[in-house]
Amino acid sequence: MAHAPQIKIPATYMRGGTSKGVFFSLTDLPEAAQVPGPARDALLLRVIGSPDPYDKQIDGMGGATSSTSKTVILSKSTRADHDVDYLFGQVSIDKPFVDWSGNCGNLSAAVGSFAISNGLVDASRIPNNGVAVVRVWQANIGKTIIAHVPITNGEVQETGDFELDGVTFPAAEVQVEFMDPAAEEEGGGGSMFPTGNLVDELEVPGVGTFKATMINAGIPTIFVNAQDIGYTGTELQGAINGDPKALLMFETIRAYGAVRMGLIANLEDAAKRQHTPKVAFVAKPADYVASSGKAIAAGDVDLLVRALSMGKLHHAMMGTAAVAIGTAAAISGTLVNLAAGGVERNAVRFGHPSGTLRVGAEATLENGEWVVKKAIMSRSARVLMEGYVRVPGDSF
């Protein structure tokens, strides 16, 4: 029988922060995949190598973790005062599913670089030497991101001496601002605290009832105290990802929290929304050894945070969850703020499995609602490979 030959699609494989993904210009995609729908999802699944019952993504570009099973589609923005539209797809590893419900904060650091290098930013906005300010419309959640991209001799500078825990080698620093990060609906609808409370009693059958801060900032996130679920906050990936009972517990917490936040109508819908919300647990500072062997002292951080993404403990910290951490830390009375000492602050440094990260955010109370104008952090980004990806022509 005849078999469809492979086709090739222009693509760039990039690291952004502590994640990696395959980046596409919208107009380079096959026509059927230039619009949302089954064809686009099928194409991206095949590019990444999913669904893979072996959980390895050997036959694709994915790296078999939530941090490396990602895709990005970029185009010149149709919105005033923006340069590029950014759409993020989190590809499930073992299921035929692409989750479009949230942003990737880490890959946000690479969007400006790709946009400049691929002609999506007007040349008049790019200095010969200095910093290019790229205005990004995050299409998944309807928010603005500002990327400050270093430029040398008219080209994106990728090399440098900025070190980011969770990334092996230094690179150029990219400052990323997440504007008005609260709430996730386009147009700013919804509340930063969907339940109306800074702290709720969350009842999770089979697990227990415990305090939770459920916040919509950067990405919907459910924060719980580490000690309430039997942890210390110093755990590394092996302590949780190798424990099926623990993973089931966190997924159950996520599902019940998602219902309380109004993100899903019933528990069964959680399986269709794997990327959001996130679940994280917090604790007061303590000494621990990061996954790299680096010693983290209690005095180095304001609190400890561990977060799960796509059902597994993240090796470092999702950029969007870092925005949620920074925002919650700035609001007195949240579990994050209390773990960090319960004081007013506009920046926080937290410990994660790979080391530490600092994120800044300022919160104000306006008309009874908490408002955060922006959250800011430094990341780095680098092109790993560029050219074409190939997929069978009949795979989408």
Protein backbone atom coordinates (compact mmCIF):
# COMPACT_ATOMS: atom_id res chain seq x y z
CA MET A 1 0.00 0.00 0.00
CA ALA A 2 1.07 3.59 -0.58
CA HIS A 3 2.29 5.68 2.32
CA ALA A 4 2.15 9.45 2.53
CA PRO A 5 5.63 10.99 2.44
CA GLN A 6 6.86 13.27 5.19
CA ILE A 7 6.42 17.00 4.88
CA LYS A 8 8.73 19.58 6.39
CA ILE A 9 7.67 22.68 8.31
CA PRO A 10 9.94 25.60 9.26
CA ALA A 11 10.47 25.55 13.03
CA THR A 12 12.84 26.64 15.77
CA TYR A 13 13.65 24.64 18.88
CA MET A 14 14.20 27.07 21.76
CA ARG A 15 14.90 27.13 25.44
CA GLY A 16 13.06 29.77 27.41
CA GLY A 17 13.75 29.90 31.14
CA THR A 18 13.66 26.32 32.43
CA SER A 19 11.51 25.01 29.55
CA LYS A 20 12.03 23.98 25.93
CA GLY A 21 9.59 24.06 23.05
CA VAL A 22 9.09 24.01 19.30
CA PHE A 23 8.33 27.50 17.93
CA PHE A 24 6.44 28.18 14.70
CA SER A 25 5.48 31.26 12.73
CA LEU A 26 1.75 30.95 12.08
CA THR A 27 2.10 31.45 8.34
CA ASP A 28 4.67 28.63 8.10
CA LEU A 29 2.16 26.06 9.30
CA PRO A 30 0.20 23.97 6.79
CA GLU A 31 -3.01 25.79 5.87
CA ALA A 32 -5.25 23.39 7.82
CA ALA A 33 -3.21 24.04 10.98
CA GLN A 34 -3.24 27.83 10.69
CA VAL A 35 -6.60 27.90 12.46
CA PRO A 36 -7.55 26.33 15.80
CA GLY A 37 -9.04 22.86 15.58
CA PRO A 38 -8.36 19.14 15.27
CA ALA A 39 -5.84 19.51 12.41
CA ARG A 40 -3.64 21.89 14.40
CA ASP A 41 -3.78 19.71 17.49
CA ALA A 42 -3.00 16.55 15.53
CA LEU A 43 -0.02 18.23 13.86
CA LEU A 44 1.48 19.45 17.14
CA LEU A 45 0.94 16.08 18.79
CA ARG A 46 2.87 14.40 15.95
CA VAL A 47 5.64 17.01 16.08
CA ILE A 48 6.14 16.44 19.81
CA GLY A 49 5.67 12.65 19.62
CA SER A 50 2.41 12.18 21.50
CA PRO A 51 0.45 10.32 22.62
CA ASP A 52 3.20 7.95 23.74
CA PRO A 53 2.20 5.00 25.95
CA TYR A 54 5.90 4.58 26.77
CA ASP A 55 6.06 8.16 28.18
CA LYS A 56 9.32 8.84 26.30
CA GLN A 57 8.29 10.82 23.18
CA ILE A 58 11.07 9.04 21.28
CA ASP A 59 9.35 9.62 17.92
CA GLY A 60 9.10 13.38 18.28
CA MET A 61 10.66 16.56 19.60
CA GLY A 62 9.29 16.26 23.13
CA GLY A 63 11.50 15.50 26.10
CA ALA A 64 9.02 13.41 28.09
CA THR A 65 8.46 16.05 30.80
CA SER A 66 5.94 18.85 31.16
CA SER A 67 8.83 21.32 30.74
CA THR A 68 9.80 19.92 27.35
CA SER A 69 6.44 18.97 25.80
CA LYS A 70 5.54 22.43 24.59
CA THR A 71 4.69 24.27 21.38
CA VAL A 72 4.42 27.95 20.49
CA ILE A 73 2.74 29.67 17.54
CA LEU A 74 3.63 33.31 16.84
CA SER A 75 2.35 35.91 14.40
CA LYS A 76 2.46 39.65 13.86
CA SER A 77 -0.06 41.17 16.21
CA THR A 78 -3.35 42.47 14.96
CA ARG A 79 -3.76 44.45 18.19
CA ALA A 80 -2.79 48.06 18.66
CA ASP A 81 0.31 48.66 20.76
CA HIS A 82 1.48 45.06 20.45
CA ASP A 83 4.17 43.55 18.26
CA VAL A 84 3.43 39.84 18.32
CA ASP A 85 0.61 37.45 19.20
CA TYR A 86 1.76 34.46 21.24
CA LEU A 87 -0.22 31.22 21.48
CA PHE A 88 1.02 28.39 23.71
CA GLY A 89 0.07 24.72 23.48
CA GLN A 90 0.94 22.32 26.32
CA VAL A 91 1.10 18.87 24.74
CA SER A 92 0.11 15.88 26.84
CA ILE A 93 2.72 13.14 26.85
CA ASP A 94 0.51 10.06 27.06
CA LYS A 95 -2.84 11.35 25.81
CA PRO A 96 -4.00 12.77 22.43
CA PHE A 97 -4.54 16.19 23.93
CA VAL A 98 -3.19 19.74 23.56
CA ASP A 99 -4.13 22.07 26.41
CA TRP A 100 -4.65 25.70 25.34
CA SER A 101 -6.00 26.90 28.71
CA GLY A 102 -2.94 28.76 29.99
CA ASN A 103 0.37 30.43 29.31
CA CYS A 104 3.95 29.20 29.71
CA GLY A 105 5.84 31.86 31.64
CA ASN A 106 9.23 30.32 30.95
CA LEU A 107 8.80 30.19 27.18
CA SER A 108 7.51 33.77 27.35
CA ALA A 109 11.18 34.73 27.73
CA ALA A 110 11.92 33.29 24.27
CA VAL A 111 8.98 34.88 22.44
CA GLY A 112 10.63 38.29 22.00
CA SER A 113 13.84 36.75 20.72
CA PHE A 114 12.04 34.60 18.16
CA ALA A 115 9.83 37.49 17.08
CA ILE A 116 12.80 39.76 16.43
CA SER A 117 14.85 37.11 14.62
CA ASN A 118 11.92 36.12 12.41
CA GLY A 119 10.85 39.58 11.30
CA LEU A 120 7.69 39.83 13.42
CA VAL A 121 8.82 43.08 15.10
CA ASP A 122 9.07 46.32 13.16
CA ALA A 123 12.72 47.12 12.49
CA SER A 124 12.25 50.65 13.82
CA ARG A 125 11.71 49.19 17.30
CA ILE A 126 15.01 47.33 17.36
CA PRO A 127 18.13 49.29 18.41
CA ASN A 128 21.50 48.47 16.93
CA ASN A 129 22.81 48.07 20.46
CA GLY A 130 20.78 48.11 23.65
CA VAL A 131 17.49 46.55 24.65
CA ALA A 132 14.49 45.95 22.40
CA VAL A 133 11.13 46.21 24.14
CA VAL A 134 8.80 43.63 22.61
CA ARG A 135 5.08 43.97 23.34
CA VAL A 136 3.54 40.51 23.40
CA TRP A 137 -0.15 39.66 23.37
CA GLN A 138 -0.60 36.36 25.20
CA ALA A 139 -3.56 34.96 23.28
CA ASN A 140 -4.36 32.02 25.57
CA ILE A 141 -5.26 34.25 28.52
CA GLY A 142 -5.71 37.65 26.92
CA LYS A 143 -2.84 39.42 28.69
CA THR A 144 0.10 41.63 27.79
CA ILE A 145 3.72 40.58 28.38
CA ILE A 146 6.65 42.93 27.91
CA ALA A 147 9.96 41.27 27.02
CA HIS A 148 13.21 43.23 27.30
CA VAL A 149 15.53 41.57 24.78
CA PRO A 150 19.25 42.48 24.65
CA ILE A 151 20.50 43.46 21.19
CA THR A 152 24.12 43.56 19.98
CA ASN A 153 25.02 44.77 16.48
CA GLY A 154 21.38 44.64 15.45
CA GLU A 155 20.87 40.99 16.43
CA VAL A 156 19.46 39.24 19.47
CA GLN A 157 22.17 38.62 22.05
CA GLU A 158 21.81 35.14 23.50
CA THR A 159 25.10 34.64 25.29
CA GLY A 160 25.93 36.26 28.60
CA ASP A 161 26.73 35.65 32.24
CA PHE A 162 23.22 35.58 33.72
CA GLU A 163 22.73 32.37 35.71
CA LEU A 164 19.32 30.83 36.26
CA ASP A 165 18.87 27.93 38.68
CA GLY A 166 17.52 24.97 36.74
CA VAL A 167 19.53 25.89 33.60
CA THR A 168 23.02 24.47 33.24
CA PHE A 169 24.81 27.25 31.39
CA PRO A 170 24.73 31.06 31.69
CA ALA A 171 23.14 33.20 28.97
CA ALA A 172 21.93 36.75 28.34
CA GLU A 173 19.37 38.09 30.79
CA VAL A 174 15.85 38.72 29.49
CA GLN A 175 13.60 40.69 31.81
CA VAL A 176 9.93 39.75 31.47
CA GLU A 177 7.01 41.81 32.74
CA PHE A 178 3.59 40.21 33.10
CA MET A 179 1.12 43.09 32.94
CA ASP A 180 -2.12 42.98 34.96
CA PRO A 181 -1.55 39.26 35.63
CA ALA A 182 -4.64 38.70 37.77
CA ALA A 183 -7.59 36.71 36.39
CA GLU A 184 -7.34 34.63 33.27
CA GLU A 185 -10.23 35.58 31.07
CA GLU A 186 -9.63 37.84 28.08
CA GLY A 187 -10.69 41.37 28.90
CA GLY A 188 -9.73 40.98 32.56
CA GLY A 189 -12.94 39.28 33.67
CA GLY A 190 -12.93 37.23 36.82
CA SER A 191 -11.38 37.87 40.21
CA MET A 192 -7.84 37.37 41.46
CA PHE A 193 -9.38 35.32 44.27
CA PRO A 194 -12.28 33.44 42.64
CA THR A 195 -13.76 32.28 45.96
CA GLY A 196 -13.64 35.81 47.37
CA ASN A 197 -11.26 34.71 50.13
CA LEU A 198 -7.51 34.92 50.66
CA VAL A 199 -7.65 31.55 52.44
CA ASP A 200 -10.32 28.85 52.20
CA GLU A 201 -10.94 25.57 53.91
CA LEU A 202 -10.66 23.12 51.00
CA GLU A 203 -12.36 19.79 51.56
CA VAL A 204 -10.89 16.99 49.47
CA PRO A 205 -12.57 13.61 50.07
CA GLY A 206 -10.05 10.90 50.80
CA VAL A 207 -7.35 13.46 51.50
CA GLY A 208 -8.69 15.80 54.17
CA THR A 209 -9.73 19.37 54.81
CA PHE A 210 -6.99 21.99 54.90
CA LYS A 211 -6.30 25.64 54.26
CA ALA A 212 -5.77 26.75 50.64
CA THR A 213 -5.10 30.01 48.85
CA MET A 214 -6.64 29.83 45.38
CA ILE A 215 -5.44 32.63 43.16
CA ASN A 216 -5.77 33.64 39.53
CA ALA A 217 -2.56 35.51 38.73
CA GLY A 218 -0.14 34.46 36.02
CA ILE A 219 -1.90 31.12 36.02
CA PRO A 220 -4.66 29.70 38.24
CA THR A 221 -2.87 28.16 41.23
CA ILE A 222 -3.90 26.33 44.39
CA PHE A 223 -1.48 26.87 47.28
CA VAL A 224 -1.52 24.63 50.36
CA ASN A 225 0.77 24.35 53.37
CA ALA A 226 3.36 21.59 52.99
CA GLN A 227 2.89 20.29 56.53
CA ASP A 228 -0.88 19.92 56.03
CA ILE A 229 -0.28 17.27 53.37
CA GLY A 230 2.70 15.56 54.98
CA TYR A 231 5.62 17.37 53.37
CA THR A 232 8.36 19.79 54.45
CA GLY A 233 8.77 21.91 51.31
CA THR A 234 12.35 20.70 50.79
CA GLU A 235 11.36 17.77 48.56
CA LEU A 236 12.97 17.08 45.18
CA GLN A 237 11.30 15.37 42.22
CA GLY A 238 12.12 11.80 43.26
CA ALA A 239 10.27 12.13 46.54
CA ILE A 240 6.97 12.73 44.77
CA ASN A 241 7.15 11.67 41.13
CA GLY A 242 8.04 8.12 42.14
CA ASP A 243 5.07 7.87 44.48
CA PRO A 244 1.81 7.04 42.64
CA LYS A 245 -0.27 7.66 45.78
CA ALA A 246 1.20 11.14 46.16
CA LEU A 247 0.55 11.98 42.51
CA LEU A 248 -3.06 10.81 42.84
CA MET A 249 -3.46 12.93 45.96
CA PHE A 250 -2.22 16.05 44.19
CA GLU A 251 -4.44 15.42 41.18
CA THR A 252 -7.42 15.01 43.49
CA ILE A 253 -6.58 18.29 45.24
CA ARG A 254 -6.24 19.94 41.82
CA ALA A 255 -9.62 18.68 40.66
CA TYR A 256 -11.53 19.76 43.77
CA GLY A 257 -9.71 23.11 43.81
CA ALA A 258 -10.55 23.69 40.14
CA VAL A 259 -14.24 23.22 40.90
CA ARG A 260 -14.04 25.65 43.85
CA MET A 261 -12.29 28.19 41.61
CA GLY A 262 -15.03 27.88 38.99
CA LEU A 263 -12.59 26.71 36.33
CA ILE A 264 -14.50 23.48 35.69
CA ALA A 265 -18.11 22.49 36.31
CA ASN A 266 -17.44 19.00 37.65
CA LEU A 267 -14.54 16.78 38.67
CA GLU A 268 -14.54 14.84 35.41
CA ASP A 269 -13.65 18.01 33.50
CA ALA A 270 -10.24 18.14 35.21
CA ALA A 271 -8.91 15.54 32.77
CA LYS A 272 -9.68 17.94 29.89
CA ARG A 273 -7.82 20.79 31.58
CA GLN A 274 -4.47 19.33 32.58
CA HIS A 275 -2.37 22.50 32.27
CA THR A 276 -4.44 24.54 34.71
CA PRO A 277 -4.83 25.02 37.59
CA LYS A 278 -1.46 24.31 39.15
CA VAL A 279 -1.02 22.90 42.66
CA ALA A 280 1.82 24.14 44.86
CA PHE A 281 2.79 23.65 48.49
CA VAL A 282 4.63 26.19 50.61
CA ALA A 283 6.72 26.17 53.76
CA LYS A 284 8.87 28.49 55.82
CA PRO A 285 12.58 28.68 54.92
CA ALA A 286 14.75 25.65 55.67
CA ASP A 287 18.14 24.34 54.60
CA TYR A 288 18.15 21.83 51.74
CA VAL A 289 20.29 20.58 48.89
CA ALA A 290 19.02 21.36 45.40
CA SER A 291 18.91 18.77 42.64
CA SER A 292 22.22 20.07 41.27
CA GLY A 293 23.92 19.46 44.62
CA LYS A 294 23.92 23.16 45.44
CA ALA A 295 23.33 23.89 49.12
CA ILE A 296 20.44 26.29 49.76
CA ALA A 297 20.48 27.86 53.20
CA ALA A 298 17.33 28.97 54.99
CA GLY A 299 18.74 32.49 55.00
CA ASP A 300 18.95 32.49 51.19
CA VAL A 301 15.17 32.46 50.69
CA ASP A 302 11.96 33.96 52.04
CA LEU A 303 10.01 30.71 51.71
CA LEU A 304 10.01 27.31 50.02
CA VAL A 305 7.66 26.37 47.16
CA ARG A 306 7.19 23.14 45.27
CA ALA A 307 4.75 23.00 42.35
CA LEU A 308 3.25 20.34 40.11
CA SER A 309 2.75 20.67 36.37
CA MET A 310 0.89 18.19 34.18
CA GLY A 311 0.70 15.75 37.09
CA LYS A 312 4.36 15.76 38.11
CA LEU A 313 6.53 17.80 40.46
CA HIS A 314 8.31 20.44 38.39
CA HIS A 315 12.11 20.32 38.35
CA ALA A 316 12.31 24.05 39.06
CA MET A 317 9.37 26.47 38.82
CA MET A 318 6.93 27.34 36.09
CA GLY A 319 7.23 31.01 35.15
CA THR A 320 3.49 31.58 35.41
CA ALA A 321 3.41 29.92 38.83
CA ALA A 322 6.26 32.22 39.86
CA VAL A 323 3.98 35.14 38.98
CA ALA A 324 1.28 33.61 41.20
CA ILE A 325 3.84 33.19 43.99
CA GLY A 326 5.05 36.77 43.72
CA THR A 327 1.52 38.12 43.61
CA ALA A 328 0.30 36.05 46.57
CA ALA A 329 3.42 36.95 48.56
CA ALA A 330 2.58 40.63 48.14
CA ILE A 331 -0.87 40.22 49.71
CA SER A 332 -0.91 39.95 53.49
CA GLY A 333 -2.80 36.93 54.77
CA THR A 334 -2.34 34.47 51.91
CA LEU A 335 -0.61 31.19 52.69
CA VAL A 336 2.31 32.28 50.51
CA ASN A 337 2.65 35.58 52.37
CA LEU A 338 2.40 33.86 55.76
CA ALA A 339 5.06 31.28 54.83
CA ALA A 340 7.30 34.22 53.85
CA GLY A 341 6.93 35.80 57.28
CA GLY A 342 3.60 37.57 56.97
CA VAL A 343 5.11 40.97 56.21
CA GLU A 344 4.34 43.44 53.45
CA ARG A 345 6.69 43.02 50.49
CA ASN A 346 7.04 43.86 46.80
CA ALA A 347 9.45 41.04 45.94
CA VAL A 348 10.10 37.54 47.17
CA ARG A 349 12.90 34.99 46.73
CA PHE A 350 11.72 31.41 47.02
CA GLY A 351 13.46 28.06 47.05
CA HIS A 352 12.47 25.44 44.46
CA PRO A 353 13.94 21.99 43.66
CA SER A 354 16.70 23.43 41.43
CA GLY A 355 17.62 26.46 43.53
CA THR A 356 16.12 29.91 44.04
CA LEU A 357 14.19 32.50 42.06
CA ARG A 358 13.26 36.11 42.74
CA VAL A 359 10.02 37.62 41.47
CA GLY A 360 8.63 41.07 42.10
CA ALA A 361 5.00 42.17 42.35
CA GLU A 362 3.15 45.04 43.99
CA ALA A 363 -0.45 44.62 45.09
CA THR A 364 -3.01 47.26 46.03
CA LEU A 365 -6.56 47.05 47.34
CA GLU A 366 -8.93 48.99 45.10
CA ASN A 367 -12.67 49.09 45.73
CA GLY A 368 -12.42 45.96 47.83
CA GLU A 369 -10.56 43.99 45.15
CA TRP A 370 -6.85 43.16 45.08
CA VAL A 371 -5.09 44.51 42.00
CA VAL A 372 -1.58 43.81 40.72
CA LYS A 373 -0.40 46.02 37.85
CA LYS A 374 2.53 43.79 36.91
CA ALA A 375 4.86 41.05 38.03
CA ILE A 376 8.45 40.96 36.89
CA MET A 377 11.25 38.41 36.77
CA SER A 378 14.48 37.72 34.91
CA ARG A 379 14.90 34.66 32.67
CA SER A 380 17.07 33.77 29.69
CA ALA A 381 16.47 32.23 26.29
CA ARG A 382 18.46 30.61 23.51
CA VAL A 383 17.93 29.04 20.09
CA LEU A 384 18.93 25.38 20.26
CA MET A 385 18.21 24.39 16.68
CA GLU A 386 16.46 25.88 13.67
CA GLY A 387 15.38 24.54 10.33
CA TYR A 388 12.49 22.17 9.74
CA VAL A 389 10.51 19.58 11.62
CA ARG A 390 9.20 16.65 9.62
CA VAL A 391 5.94 14.77 10.08
CA PRO A 392 4.08 12.24 7.94
CA GLY A 393 1.85 14.14 5.52
CA ASP A 394 -1.27 12.26 6.61
CA SER A 395 -0.80 12.78 10.35
CA PHE A 396 -3.11 15.79 10.68
